[in-house]
Amino acid sequence: MAEQADKAHKAAEARLNSQRAFWRTFGGFVLIWIVCTIIWAVTGAGMFWPIWVIVGTGIATLFMGWNAFGPRNTGPSQAQVDEEAKKFEN
């Protein structure tokens, strides 16, 4: 029982660390987006090239967000493991 509580505690800690890392990275990306947009505006404002930076880092942000805030990966339940183990006994 204590082993399962310890496992749950470590999973919760890892998820919280992932969420903190997401927010730090997202803040850095927003800063990069702002800097690129300022450079674009100051240098003549031709084609809006910062969109490529925003799209690229935005995709990375989506994947990080899904990992940090998406469904939890709890792994197989004990019943599923027992059921699979029965297949090997026969």
Protein backbone atom coordinates (compact mmCIF):
# COMPACT_ATOMS: atom_id res chain seq x y z
CA MET A 1 0.00 0.00 0.00
CA ALA A 2 2.83 2.39 0.88
CA GLU A 3 4.53 1.51 -2.38
CA GLN A 4 1.46 2.58 -4.37
CA ALA A 5 1.17 5.83 -2.38
CA ASP A 6 4.86 6.52 -3.05
CA LYS A 7 4.34 5.83 -6.76
CA ALA A 8 1.34 8.19 -6.86
CA HIS A 9 3.34 10.86 -5.01
CA LYS A 10 6.19 10.63 -7.52
CA ALA A 11 3.74 10.77 -10.46
CA ALA A 12 2.08 13.87 -8.97
CA GLU A 13 5.45 15.51 -8.39
CA ALA A 14 6.55 14.79 -11.97
CA ARG A 15 3.29 16.24 -13.34
CA LEU A 16 3.66 19.42 -11.27
CA ASN A 17 7.27 19.80 -12.43
CA SER A 18 6.07 19.37 -16.02
CA GLN A 19 3.45 22.08 -15.52
CA ARG A 20 6.01 24.49 -14.06
CA ALA A 21 8.36 23.80 -16.97
CA PHE A 22 5.51 24.48 -19.39
CA TRP A 23 4.83 27.93 -17.92
CA ARG A 24 8.54 28.85 -17.91
CA THR A 25 8.92 27.78 -21.53
CA PHE A 26 5.70 29.49 -22.58
CA GLY A 27 6.90 32.74 -20.98
CA GLY A 28 10.17 32.47 -22.88
CA PHE A 29 8.32 31.86 -26.15
CA VAL A 30 6.11 34.90 -25.59
CA LEU A 31 9.21 37.00 -25.00
CA ILE A 32 10.73 35.68 -28.24
CA TRP A 33 7.50 36.44 -30.12
CA ILE A 34 7.49 40.01 -28.82
CA VAL A 35 11.17 40.58 -29.67
CA CYS A 36 10.72 39.18 -33.19
CA THR A 37 7.63 41.32 -33.76
CA ILE A 38 9.48 44.44 -32.57
CA ILE A 39 12.41 43.65 -34.88
CA TRP A 40 9.97 43.14 -37.76
CA ALA A 41 8.22 46.45 -37.03
CA VAL A 42 11.46 48.43 -36.67
CA THR A 43 13.07 47.05 -39.83
CA GLY A 44 10.36 48.09 -42.25
CA ALA A 45 7.39 45.81 -41.57
CA GLY A 46 7.41 43.90 -44.86
CA MET A 47 6.03 40.39 -44.91
CA PHE A 48 5.20 39.34 -41.33
CA TRP A 49 8.03 36.82 -40.97
CA PRO A 50 7.64 36.41 -37.16
CA ILE A 51 4.62 34.23 -37.95
CA TRP A 52 7.05 31.39 -38.70
CA VAL A 53 8.64 31.75 -35.28
CA ILE A 54 5.21 31.93 -33.66
CA VAL A 55 3.90 28.87 -35.52
CA GLY A 56 7.02 26.79 -34.84
CA THR A 57 7.21 27.56 -31.15
CA GLY A 58 3.41 27.41 -30.92
CA ILE A 59 3.45 23.78 -32.05
CA ALA A 60 6.06 23.00 -29.41
CA THR A 61 3.92 24.82 -26.85
CA LEU A 62 0.87 22.73 -27.76
CA PHE A 63 2.77 19.47 -27.27
CA MET A 64 4.24 20.64 -23.97
CA GLY A 65 0.81 21.78 -22.80
CA TRP A 66 -0.75 18.44 -23.70
CA ASN A 67 1.97 16.64 -21.78
CA ALA A 68 1.64 18.92 -18.74
CA PHE A 69 -2.14 19.38 -18.56
CA GLY A 70 -3.59 16.61 -20.73
CA PRO A 71 -4.93 13.25 -19.60
CA ARG A 72 -2.83 11.45 -17.04
CA ASN A 73 -0.98 8.35 -18.12
CA THR A 74 -1.60 6.08 -15.16
CA GLY A 75 -0.46 2.92 -16.87
CA PRO A 76 -2.27 -0.41 -16.69
CA SER A 77 -4.41 -1.24 -13.68
CA GLN A 78 -3.65 -4.24 -11.51
CA ALA A 79 -6.71 -6.00 -12.97
CA GLN A 80 -5.37 -5.51 -16.50
CA VAL A 81 -1.96 -6.88 -15.47
CA ASP A 82 -3.59 -9.91 -13.82
CA GLU A 83 -5.72 -10.56 -16.90
CA GLU A 84 -2.68 -10.39 -19.18
CA ALA A 85 -0.70 -12.66 -16.84
CA LYS A 86 -3.46 -15.29 -17.06
CA LYS A 87 -2.88 -15.51 -20.81
CA PHE A 88 0.68 -16.66 -20.15
CA GLU A 89 -0.36 -19.32 -17.63
CA ASN A 90 -2.35 -21.35 -20.17
